[in-house]
N, C-alpha and C. Protein backbone atom coordinates (compact mmCIF):
# COMPACT_ATOMS: atom_id res chain seq x y z
N UNK A 1 -97.84 -71.27 -103.66
CA UNK A 1 -99.20 -71.51 -103.16
C UNK A 1 -100.05 -70.31 -103.45
N UNK A 2 -101.09 -70.48 -104.17
CA UNK A 2 -102.02 -69.33 -104.51
C UNK A 2 -102.83 -69.10 -103.27
N UNK A 3 -103.16 -67.95 -102.87
CA UNK A 3 -103.98 -67.66 -101.88
C UNK A 3 -105.27 -67.57 -102.38
N UNK A 4 -106.32 -68.02 -101.65
CA UNK A 4 -107.71 -67.99 -102.03
C UNK A 4 -108.47 -67.04 -101.09
N UNK A 5 -109.14 -66.12 -101.56
CA UNK A 5 -109.85 -65.18 -100.82
C UNK A 5 -111.26 -65.34 -101.19
N UNK A 6 -112.24 -65.32 -100.11
CA UNK A 6 -113.67 -65.41 -100.31
C UNK A 6 -114.29 -64.10 -99.89
N UNK A 7 -115.16 -63.73 -100.74
CA UNK A 7 -115.82 -62.42 -100.66
C UNK A 7 -117.30 -62.47 -100.84
N UNK A 8 -118.22 -61.79 -100.14
CA UNK A 8 -119.54 -61.78 -100.28
C UNK A 8 -119.87 -61.02 -101.71
N UNK A 9 -120.69 -61.52 -102.59
CA UNK A 9 -120.99 -61.09 -103.81
C UNK A 9 -122.14 -60.12 -103.75
N UNK A 10 -122.21 -59.19 -104.64
CA UNK A 10 -123.37 -58.22 -104.66
C UNK A 10 -123.83 -58.16 -106.18
N UNK A 11 -124.70 -57.38 -106.44
CA UNK A 11 -125.22 -57.27 -107.61
C UNK A 11 -124.29 -56.78 -108.74
N UNK A 12 -123.24 -56.11 -108.21
CA UNK A 12 -122.16 -55.70 -109.18
C UNK A 12 -121.30 -56.77 -109.72
N UNK A 13 -121.46 -57.98 -109.02
CA UNK A 13 -120.84 -59.18 -109.56
C UNK A 13 -121.59 -60.09 -110.43
N UNK A 14 -122.70 -59.55 -110.85
CA UNK A 14 -123.63 -60.42 -111.65
C UNK A 14 -122.91 -61.01 -112.88
N UNK A 15 -122.22 -60.17 -113.67
CA UNK A 15 -121.56 -60.75 -114.96
C UNK A 15 -120.53 -61.84 -114.50
N UNK A 16 -119.79 -61.71 -113.38
CA UNK A 16 -118.81 -62.67 -113.01
C UNK A 16 -119.56 -63.95 -112.58
N UNK A 17 -120.59 -63.76 -111.87
CA UNK A 17 -121.37 -65.08 -111.42
C UNK A 17 -121.96 -65.72 -112.66
N UNK A 18 -122.54 -65.03 -113.65
CA UNK A 18 -123.17 -65.54 -114.78
C UNK A 18 -121.95 -66.39 -115.63
N UNK A 19 -120.83 -65.73 -115.81
CA UNK A 19 -119.80 -66.38 -116.47
C UNK A 19 -119.49 -67.64 -115.89
N UNK A 20 -119.11 -67.72 -114.51
CA UNK A 20 -118.80 -68.85 -113.85
C UNK A 20 -119.85 -69.94 -113.82
N UNK A 21 -121.12 -69.50 -113.72
CA UNK A 21 -122.35 -70.32 -113.80
C UNK A 21 -122.27 -71.15 -115.11
N UNK A 22 -122.21 -70.42 -116.21
CA UNK A 22 -122.32 -70.99 -117.59
C UNK A 22 -121.17 -72.06 -117.69
N UNK A 23 -119.95 -71.38 -117.59
CA UNK A 23 -118.82 -72.27 -117.73
C UNK A 23 -118.75 -73.59 -116.88
N UNK A 24 -119.04 -73.42 -115.63
CA UNK A 24 -119.02 -74.55 -114.67
C UNK A 24 -120.07 -75.56 -114.99
N UNK A 25 -121.31 -75.15 -115.26
CA UNK A 25 -122.40 -76.05 -115.50
C UNK A 25 -122.05 -76.80 -116.87
N UNK A 26 -121.57 -76.08 -117.83
CA UNK A 26 -121.17 -76.76 -119.21
C UNK A 26 -119.99 -77.67 -119.08
N UNK A 27 -119.00 -77.34 -118.38
CA UNK A 27 -117.85 -78.18 -117.96
C UNK A 27 -118.36 -79.58 -117.27
N UNK A 28 -119.28 -79.34 -116.25
CA UNK A 28 -119.65 -80.42 -115.49
C UNK A 28 -120.61 -81.42 -116.17
N UNK A 29 -121.53 -80.78 -116.91
CA UNK A 29 -122.67 -81.66 -117.48
C UNK A 29 -122.89 -81.81 -118.76
N UNK A 30 -122.01 -81.07 -119.69
CA UNK A 30 -122.35 -80.96 -121.19
C UNK A 30 -122.10 -82.45 -121.79
N UNK A 31 -121.09 -83.14 -121.30
CA UNK A 31 -120.67 -84.32 -121.81
C UNK A 31 -121.74 -85.52 -121.67
N UNK A 32 -122.51 -85.33 -120.70
CA UNK A 32 -123.52 -86.42 -120.35
C UNK A 32 -124.95 -86.03 -120.51
N UNK A 33 -125.18 -84.84 -121.16
CA UNK A 33 -126.49 -84.41 -121.42
C UNK A 33 -126.51 -83.88 -122.76
N UNK A 34 -127.85 -83.64 -123.46
CA UNK A 34 -127.96 -83.15 -124.70
C UNK A 34 -127.59 -81.61 -124.77
N UNK A 35 -127.08 -81.19 -125.92
CA UNK A 35 -126.85 -79.76 -126.09
C UNK A 35 -128.06 -78.92 -125.79
N UNK A 36 -129.15 -79.33 -126.41
CA UNK A 36 -130.50 -78.60 -126.13
C UNK A 36 -130.85 -78.48 -124.66
N UNK A 37 -130.73 -79.57 -123.94
CA UNK A 37 -131.07 -79.45 -122.50
C UNK A 37 -130.07 -78.54 -121.82
N UNK A 38 -128.85 -78.74 -121.99
CA UNK A 38 -127.85 -77.80 -121.41
C UNK A 38 -128.21 -76.35 -121.78
N UNK A 39 -128.30 -76.06 -123.07
CA UNK A 39 -128.57 -74.54 -123.36
C UNK A 39 -129.82 -74.11 -122.84
N UNK A 40 -130.92 -74.85 -122.85
CA UNK A 40 -132.22 -74.37 -122.14
C UNK A 40 -131.94 -74.25 -120.61
N UNK A 41 -131.27 -74.91 -120.06
CA UNK A 41 -131.12 -74.85 -118.54
C UNK A 41 -130.34 -73.58 -118.28
N UNK A 42 -129.29 -73.35 -119.09
CA UNK A 42 -128.33 -72.13 -118.92
C UNK A 42 -129.32 -70.89 -119.17
N UNK A 43 -130.09 -70.97 -120.35
CA UNK A 43 -131.02 -69.68 -120.65
C UNK A 43 -131.95 -69.46 -119.51
N UNK A 44 -132.36 -70.49 -119.00
CA UNK A 44 -133.52 -70.27 -117.87
C UNK A 44 -132.91 -69.87 -116.53
N UNK A 45 -131.81 -70.59 -116.24
CA UNK A 45 -131.13 -70.41 -114.80
C UNK A 45 -130.21 -69.25 -114.65
N UNK A 46 -129.53 -69.09 -115.70
CA UNK A 46 -128.41 -68.12 -115.52
C UNK A 46 -128.54 -66.70 -116.39
N UNK A 47 -129.74 -66.48 -116.75
CA UNK A 47 -130.02 -65.19 -117.45
C UNK A 47 -129.86 -64.12 -116.57
N UNK A 48 -129.69 -62.81 -117.02
CA UNK A 48 -129.49 -61.68 -116.17
C UNK A 48 -130.67 -61.45 -115.23
N UNK A 49 -132.00 -61.63 -115.75
CA UNK A 49 -133.16 -61.34 -114.87
C UNK A 49 -133.13 -62.46 -113.62
N UNK A 50 -132.97 -63.70 -113.89
CA UNK A 50 -132.95 -64.75 -112.86
C UNK A 50 -131.91 -64.47 -111.82
N UNK A 51 -130.62 -64.28 -112.36
CA UNK A 51 -129.51 -64.11 -111.35
C UNK A 51 -129.69 -62.85 -110.65
N UNK A 52 -130.35 -61.68 -111.16
CA UNK A 52 -130.55 -60.48 -110.44
C UNK A 52 -131.54 -60.69 -109.28
N UNK A 53 -132.75 -61.56 -109.66
CA UNK A 53 -133.59 -61.93 -108.65
C UNK A 53 -133.02 -62.65 -107.46
N UNK A 54 -132.10 -63.67 -107.83
CA UNK A 54 -131.49 -64.45 -106.76
C UNK A 54 -130.53 -63.55 -105.86
N UNK A 55 -129.74 -62.66 -106.55
CA UNK A 55 -128.88 -61.75 -105.85
C UNK A 55 -129.63 -60.91 -104.88
N UNK A 56 -130.85 -60.51 -105.32
CA UNK A 56 -131.68 -59.42 -104.54
C UNK A 56 -132.46 -60.12 -103.43
N UNK A 57 -132.61 -61.44 -103.45
CA UNK A 57 -133.29 -62.10 -102.41
C UNK A 57 -132.66 -62.00 -101.06
N UNK A 58 -133.18 -61.41 -100.01
CA UNK A 58 -132.54 -61.33 -98.73
C UNK A 58 -132.27 -62.49 -97.98
N UNK A 59 -132.84 -63.73 -98.48
CA UNK A 59 -132.74 -64.93 -97.87
C UNK A 59 -131.62 -65.80 -98.57
N UNK A 60 -130.98 -65.17 -99.72
CA UNK A 60 -129.86 -65.89 -100.34
C UNK A 60 -128.70 -65.07 -100.33
N UNK A 61 -127.52 -65.78 -100.33
CA UNK A 61 -126.27 -65.11 -100.38
C UNK A 61 -125.31 -65.77 -101.29
N UNK A 62 -124.52 -65.00 -101.87
CA UNK A 62 -123.58 -65.59 -102.87
C UNK A 62 -122.04 -65.18 -102.33
N UNK A 63 -121.15 -66.05 -102.50
CA UNK A 63 -119.69 -65.79 -101.89
C UNK A 63 -118.85 -66.30 -103.19
N UNK A 64 -118.00 -65.31 -103.63
CA UNK A 64 -117.04 -65.60 -104.63
C UNK A 64 -115.74 -65.99 -104.06
N UNK A 65 -115.12 -66.96 -104.76
CA UNK A 65 -113.78 -67.27 -104.42
C UNK A 65 -112.86 -66.68 -105.44
N UNK A 66 -111.79 -66.03 -104.96
CA UNK A 66 -110.77 -65.47 -105.83
C UNK A 66 -109.45 -66.14 -105.64
N UNK A 67 -108.77 -66.40 -106.79
CA UNK A 67 -107.34 -66.92 -106.66
C UNK A 67 -106.57 -65.93 -107.48
N UNK A 68 -105.61 -65.20 -106.64
CA UNK A 68 -104.97 -64.08 -107.06
C UNK A 68 -105.71 -63.18 -107.87
N UNK A 69 -106.79 -62.63 -107.34
CA UNK A 69 -107.78 -61.64 -107.73
C UNK A 69 -108.58 -62.08 -108.93
N UNK A 70 -108.46 -63.47 -109.41
CA UNK A 70 -109.32 -63.80 -110.36
C UNK A 70 -110.55 -64.75 -109.73
N UNK A 71 -111.70 -64.38 -110.10
CA UNK A 71 -112.83 -65.17 -109.53
C UNK A 71 -112.88 -66.48 -110.26
N UNK A 72 -112.81 -67.55 -109.47
CA UNK A 72 -112.73 -68.89 -109.88
C UNK A 72 -113.80 -69.85 -109.40
N UNK A 73 -114.63 -69.43 -108.65
CA UNK A 73 -115.80 -70.23 -108.11
C UNK A 73 -116.72 -69.36 -107.20
N UNK A 74 -117.88 -69.98 -106.91
CA UNK A 74 -118.91 -69.30 -105.94
C UNK A 74 -119.63 -70.38 -105.18
N UNK A 75 -120.18 -69.91 -104.02
CA UNK A 75 -121.11 -70.62 -103.22
C UNK A 75 -122.39 -69.69 -103.25
N UNK A 76 -123.54 -70.34 -103.46
CA UNK A 76 -124.87 -69.78 -103.22
C UNK A 76 -125.55 -70.54 -102.14
N UNK A 77 -125.99 -69.83 -101.01
CA UNK A 77 -126.77 -70.43 -100.04
C UNK A 77 -128.17 -69.83 -99.85
N UNK A 78 -129.08 -70.47 -99.45
CA UNK A 78 -130.43 -70.07 -99.12
C UNK A 78 -131.00 -70.38 -97.85
N UNK A 79 -131.59 -69.46 -97.21
CA UNK A 79 -132.22 -69.49 -95.98
C UNK A 79 -133.69 -69.45 -96.00
N UNK A 80 -134.50 -69.85 -95.10
CA UNK A 80 -135.95 -69.61 -95.05
C UNK A 80 -136.75 -70.00 -96.40
N UNK A 81 -137.49 -69.07 -96.71
CA UNK A 81 -138.30 -69.33 -97.96
C UNK A 81 -137.52 -69.24 -99.36
N UNK A 82 -136.24 -68.95 -99.24
CA UNK A 82 -135.42 -68.86 -100.49
C UNK A 82 -134.96 -70.41 -100.78
N UNK A 83 -135.14 -71.32 -99.95
CA UNK A 83 -134.71 -72.70 -100.09
C UNK A 83 -135.67 -73.27 -101.19
N UNK A 84 -135.07 -74.07 -101.99
CA UNK A 84 -135.74 -74.68 -103.19
C UNK A 84 -136.75 -75.68 -102.77
N UNK A 85 -136.62 -76.22 -101.42
CA UNK A 85 -137.57 -77.09 -100.83
C UNK A 85 -137.49 -76.69 -99.39
N UNK A 86 -138.58 -76.91 -98.70
CA UNK A 86 -138.49 -76.76 -97.21
C UNK A 86 -138.48 -78.13 -96.45
N UNK A 87 -137.45 -78.38 -95.90
CA UNK A 87 -137.26 -79.66 -95.05
C UNK A 87 -137.33 -79.23 -93.69
N UNK A 88 -136.79 -78.13 -93.36
CA UNK A 88 -136.55 -77.77 -91.89
C UNK A 88 -136.30 -76.17 -92.08
N UNK A 89 -137.16 -75.44 -91.39
CA UNK A 89 -136.98 -74.00 -91.30
C UNK A 89 -135.56 -73.57 -90.82
N UNK A 90 -135.19 -74.39 -89.83
CA UNK A 90 -133.87 -73.94 -89.35
C UNK A 90 -132.72 -74.70 -90.06
N UNK A 91 -132.81 -74.73 -91.42
CA UNK A 91 -131.70 -75.32 -92.22
C UNK A 91 -131.15 -74.23 -93.16
N UNK A 92 -130.13 -74.53 -93.67
CA UNK A 92 -129.37 -73.76 -94.70
C UNK A 92 -129.31 -74.63 -95.99
N UNK A 93 -129.66 -74.16 -97.10
CA UNK A 93 -129.50 -74.97 -98.28
C UNK A 93 -128.31 -74.36 -99.01
N UNK A 94 -127.18 -75.35 -99.44
CA UNK A 94 -126.16 -75.00 -100.26
C UNK A 94 -126.79 -75.26 -101.59
N UNK A 95 -127.13 -74.18 -102.38
CA UNK A 95 -127.70 -74.35 -103.68
C UNK A 95 -126.76 -74.58 -104.75
N UNK A 96 -125.62 -73.92 -104.63
CA UNK A 96 -124.52 -74.03 -105.60
C UNK A 96 -123.12 -74.03 -104.98
N UNK A 97 -122.31 -74.79 -105.37
CA UNK A 97 -120.89 -74.59 -105.14
C UNK A 97 -120.30 -74.88 -106.58
N UNK A 98 -119.90 -73.86 -107.34
CA UNK A 98 -119.45 -74.04 -108.54
C UNK A 98 -117.90 -73.48 -108.57
N UNK A 99 -117.10 -74.42 -109.11
CA UNK A 99 -115.71 -74.10 -109.16
C UNK A 99 -115.32 -74.43 -110.56
N UNK A 100 -114.48 -73.55 -111.24
CA UNK A 100 -114.11 -73.76 -112.52
C UNK A 100 -113.23 -74.91 -112.67
N UNK A 101 -113.31 -75.73 -113.64
CA UNK A 101 -112.71 -77.12 -113.72
C UNK A 101 -111.17 -76.96 -113.56
N UNK A 102 -110.60 -75.86 -114.11
CA UNK A 102 -109.07 -75.87 -113.96
C UNK A 102 -108.68 -75.54 -112.54
N UNK A 103 -109.60 -75.32 -111.68
CA UNK A 103 -109.28 -74.97 -110.25
C UNK A 103 -109.75 -76.12 -109.22
N UNK A 104 -110.15 -77.32 -110.02
CA UNK A 104 -110.62 -78.55 -109.22
C UNK A 104 -109.40 -79.05 -108.41
N UNK A 105 -109.50 -79.62 -107.22
CA UNK A 105 -108.38 -80.16 -106.59
C UNK A 105 -107.57 -79.14 -105.80
N UNK A 106 -108.00 -77.93 -105.85
CA UNK A 106 -107.24 -76.87 -105.18
C UNK A 106 -107.80 -76.34 -103.92
N UNK A 107 -108.73 -77.13 -103.33
CA UNK A 107 -109.31 -76.90 -102.03
C UNK A 107 -110.40 -75.74 -102.07
N UNK A 108 -110.69 -75.22 -103.21
CA UNK A 108 -111.79 -74.05 -103.27
C UNK A 108 -113.04 -74.59 -102.92
N UNK A 109 -113.55 -75.58 -103.31
CA UNK A 109 -114.88 -76.12 -102.97
C UNK A 109 -114.90 -76.32 -101.48
N UNK A 110 -113.92 -76.82 -100.86
CA UNK A 110 -113.77 -77.07 -99.36
C UNK A 110 -113.80 -75.67 -98.63
N UNK A 111 -113.12 -74.70 -99.22
CA UNK A 111 -113.22 -73.35 -98.61
C UNK A 111 -114.53 -72.74 -98.59
N UNK A 112 -115.25 -73.00 -99.70
CA UNK A 112 -116.67 -72.37 -99.96
C UNK A 112 -117.60 -73.15 -99.02
N UNK A 113 -117.52 -74.57 -98.85
CA UNK A 113 -118.30 -75.23 -97.96
C UNK A 113 -118.06 -74.75 -96.55
N UNK A 114 -116.81 -74.58 -96.15
CA UNK A 114 -116.52 -74.14 -94.73
C UNK A 114 -117.09 -72.78 -94.47
N UNK A 115 -117.24 -71.93 -95.59
CA UNK A 115 -117.87 -70.65 -95.33
C UNK A 115 -119.46 -70.83 -95.05
N UNK A 116 -120.02 -71.78 -95.72
CA UNK A 116 -121.40 -72.24 -95.38
C UNK A 116 -121.56 -72.72 -94.10
N UNK A 117 -120.65 -73.58 -93.60
CA UNK A 117 -120.77 -74.09 -92.31
C UNK A 117 -120.54 -72.99 -91.20
N UNK A 118 -119.62 -72.13 -91.49
CA UNK A 118 -119.39 -70.85 -90.52
C UNK A 118 -120.56 -70.06 -90.34
N UNK A 119 -121.31 -69.73 -91.55
CA UNK A 119 -122.57 -68.98 -91.58
C UNK A 119 -123.58 -69.69 -90.85
N UNK A 120 -123.79 -71.05 -91.05
CA UNK A 120 -124.84 -71.69 -90.41
C UNK A 120 -124.63 -71.77 -88.81
N UNK A 121 -123.35 -72.01 -88.49
CA UNK A 121 -122.94 -72.06 -87.02
C UNK A 121 -123.16 -70.72 -86.37
N UNK A 122 -122.81 -69.56 -87.02
CA UNK A 122 -123.04 -68.13 -86.43
C UNK A 122 -124.49 -67.78 -86.37
N UNK A 123 -125.36 -68.57 -87.10
CA UNK A 123 -126.78 -68.16 -87.23
C UNK A 123 -127.73 -69.17 -86.33
N UNK A 124 -127.01 -70.12 -85.66
CA UNK A 124 -127.74 -71.11 -85.04
C UNK A 124 -128.63 -72.16 -85.75
N UNK A 125 -127.98 -72.35 -87.14
CA UNK A 125 -128.72 -73.30 -88.00
C UNK A 125 -128.49 -74.74 -87.63
N UNK A 126 -129.50 -75.47 -87.61
CA UNK A 126 -129.32 -76.91 -87.13
C UNK A 126 -128.71 -77.81 -88.10
N UNK A 127 -129.00 -77.50 -89.49
CA UNK A 127 -128.32 -78.37 -90.53
C UNK A 127 -128.18 -77.67 -91.86
N UNK A 128 -127.31 -78.30 -92.60
CA UNK A 128 -127.15 -77.81 -94.02
C UNK A 128 -127.42 -79.02 -95.04
N UNK A 129 -128.27 -78.60 -96.01
CA UNK A 129 -128.67 -79.60 -96.95
C UNK A 129 -128.42 -79.09 -98.28
N UNK A 130 -128.45 -80.13 -99.27
CA UNK A 130 -128.18 -79.80 -100.71
C UNK A 130 -128.63 -81.02 -101.52
N UNK A 131 -128.76 -80.65 -102.80
CA UNK A 131 -129.10 -81.70 -103.79
C UNK A 131 -128.03 -81.94 -104.82
N UNK A 132 -127.72 -83.23 -105.05
CA UNK A 132 -126.67 -83.54 -105.96
C UNK A 132 -127.10 -84.60 -106.94
N UNK A 133 -126.80 -84.35 -108.21
CA UNK A 133 -127.28 -85.35 -109.12
C UNK A 133 -126.53 -86.74 -108.92
N UNK A 134 -127.31 -87.73 -108.89
CA UNK A 134 -126.89 -89.14 -108.51
C UNK A 134 -125.66 -89.54 -109.38
N UNK A 135 -125.39 -88.88 -110.57
CA UNK A 135 -124.22 -89.22 -111.49
C UNK A 135 -123.14 -88.34 -111.22
N UNK A 136 -123.14 -87.42 -110.37
CA UNK A 136 -122.19 -86.41 -110.23
C UNK A 136 -121.18 -87.06 -109.02
N UNK A 137 -120.52 -88.10 -109.34
CA UNK A 137 -119.72 -88.85 -108.37
C UNK A 137 -118.71 -88.10 -107.70
N UNK A 138 -118.12 -87.15 -108.28
CA UNK A 138 -117.17 -86.22 -107.57
C UNK A 138 -117.67 -85.54 -106.50
N UNK A 139 -118.95 -84.92 -106.89
CA UNK A 139 -119.49 -84.06 -105.82
C UNK A 139 -120.18 -84.94 -104.70
N UNK A 140 -120.70 -86.04 -104.97
CA UNK A 140 -121.12 -87.05 -104.06
C UNK A 140 -120.12 -87.46 -102.98
N UNK A 141 -118.81 -87.76 -103.51
CA UNK A 141 -117.80 -88.09 -102.76
C UNK A 141 -117.33 -86.99 -101.83
N UNK A 142 -117.30 -85.72 -102.36
CA UNK A 142 -116.81 -84.63 -101.69
C UNK A 142 -117.68 -84.35 -100.42
N UNK A 143 -119.08 -84.38 -100.75
CA UNK A 143 -120.02 -84.17 -99.55
C UNK A 143 -119.96 -85.39 -98.66
N UNK A 144 -119.78 -86.51 -99.00
CA UNK A 144 -119.85 -87.65 -98.05
C UNK A 144 -118.48 -87.49 -97.20
N UNK A 145 -117.58 -87.09 -97.85
CA UNK A 145 -116.13 -86.97 -96.98
C UNK A 145 -116.42 -85.84 -96.07
N UNK A 146 -117.30 -84.82 -96.20
CA UNK A 146 -117.61 -83.84 -95.25
C UNK A 146 -118.68 -84.06 -94.27
N UNK A 147 -119.05 -85.38 -94.20
CA UNK A 147 -120.02 -85.76 -93.15
C UNK A 147 -121.60 -85.63 -93.64
N UNK A 148 -121.85 -85.28 -94.96
CA UNK A 148 -123.23 -85.29 -95.38
C UNK A 148 -123.68 -86.64 -95.61
N UNK A 149 -124.91 -86.88 -95.29
CA UNK A 149 -125.66 -88.12 -95.61
C UNK A 149 -126.89 -87.95 -96.37
N UNK A 150 -127.15 -88.95 -97.17
CA UNK A 150 -128.40 -88.93 -98.01
C UNK A 150 -129.63 -89.16 -97.12
N UNK A 151 -130.49 -88.23 -97.21
CA UNK A 151 -131.76 -88.51 -96.53
C UNK A 151 -133.01 -88.52 -97.32
N UNK A 152 -132.96 -88.07 -98.66
CA UNK A 152 -134.08 -88.24 -99.52
C UNK A 152 -133.55 -88.08 -100.96
N UNK A 153 -134.66 -87.98 -101.88
CA UNK A 153 -134.19 -87.62 -103.24
C UNK A 153 -135.34 -87.00 -103.88
N UNK A 154 -135.03 -86.32 -105.04
CA UNK A 154 -136.18 -85.71 -105.75
C UNK A 154 -135.77 -85.71 -107.30
N UNK A 155 -136.80 -85.46 -108.11
CA UNK A 155 -136.55 -85.42 -109.68
C UNK A 155 -136.10 -83.99 -109.92
N UNK A 156 -134.95 -83.95 -110.69
CA UNK A 156 -134.55 -82.63 -111.18
C UNK A 156 -134.76 -82.80 -112.72
N UNK A 157 -135.49 -81.81 -113.35
CA UNK A 157 -135.79 -81.94 -114.78
C UNK A 157 -134.76 -81.08 -115.50
N UNK A 158 -133.95 -81.61 -116.39
CA UNK A 158 -133.09 -80.85 -117.36
C UNK A 158 -133.69 -81.15 -118.62
N UNK A 159 -134.35 -80.05 -119.07
CA UNK A 159 -134.96 -80.08 -120.40
C UNK A 159 -136.09 -81.18 -120.38
N UNK A 160 -135.82 -82.28 -121.33
CA UNK A 160 -136.79 -83.29 -121.55
C UNK A 160 -136.24 -84.49 -120.63
N UNK A 161 -135.29 -84.39 -119.77
CA UNK A 161 -134.74 -85.41 -119.18
C UNK A 161 -134.89 -85.42 -117.51
N UNK A 162 -135.52 -86.35 -117.11
CA UNK A 162 -135.78 -86.36 -115.65
C UNK A 162 -134.81 -87.12 -114.93
N UNK A 163 -134.00 -86.50 -114.13
CA UNK A 163 -132.91 -87.03 -113.41
C UNK A 163 -133.12 -87.14 -112.00
N UNK A 164 -132.43 -87.96 -111.22
CA UNK A 164 -132.60 -87.95 -109.72
C UNK A 164 -131.52 -87.26 -109.04
N UNK A 165 -131.82 -86.29 -108.19
CA UNK A 165 -131.10 -85.73 -107.31
C UNK A 165 -130.99 -86.38 -105.89
N UNK A 166 -129.94 -86.65 -105.24
CA UNK A 166 -129.89 -87.28 -103.94
C UNK A 166 -129.81 -85.99 -102.97
N UNK A 167 -130.65 -85.89 -102.07
CA UNK A 167 -130.56 -84.86 -101.07
C UNK A 167 -129.84 -85.24 -99.87
N UNK A 168 -128.79 -84.57 -99.51
CA UNK A 168 -127.93 -84.90 -98.51
C UNK A 168 -127.96 -83.76 -97.44
N UNK A 169 -127.58 -84.17 -96.22
CA UNK A 169 -127.70 -83.29 -95.03
C UNK A 169 -126.52 -83.56 -94.18
N UNK A 170 -126.16 -82.35 -93.45
CA UNK A 170 -125.17 -82.33 -92.50
C UNK A 170 -125.74 -81.79 -91.18
N UNK A 171 -125.93 -82.58 -90.01
CA UNK A 171 -126.47 -82.08 -88.94
C UNK A 171 -125.40 -81.23 -88.26
N UNK A 172 -125.70 -80.00 -87.79
CA UNK A 172 -124.86 -79.23 -86.95
C UNK A 172 -125.18 -79.15 -85.47
N UNK A 173 -126.54 -79.25 -85.32
CA UNK A 173 -127.15 -79.15 -83.84
C UNK A 173 -128.07 -80.25 -83.72
N UNK A 174 -128.29 -80.80 -82.61
CA UNK A 174 -129.39 -81.84 -82.37
C UNK A 174 -130.61 -81.16 -82.19
N UNK A 175 -131.68 -81.72 -82.71
CA UNK A 175 -132.96 -81.08 -82.53
C UNK A 175 -133.43 -81.11 -81.10
């Protein structure tokens, strides 16, 4: 049994985060999107300047998952004005849970989600929300199994392709 360790990421982890982001995004979405749209998204979202900005935002946090000292995935969460949309100020957004494909099914996504839940509970956050592409069935099933329910949707533009993200929420505290 491999032990999984989760550690808060810093600017020193930028290259690792960049590598995991590009590999995971490509593994997950390249087969069902055009190469240009994938390349443009990666260039815009995972370039050094963009990831440095995200890592430097005091309302965002990254947590890396290590399996036997090798980084295999990460969690990115946003609070307050770092959220990609504001549904509730007392909410936490799970912006990304990225796990390398070879490590799928090894409970790493669950451990990262549990980290987000723990952070929310420790900070008195009422709910956790996230957006998932409507065709990412594996992720939709994972979040539903964890008690998330669809509450809205929005358009996610990937290059020249307008896609629908389902917005899902897990209530931790009653309003």
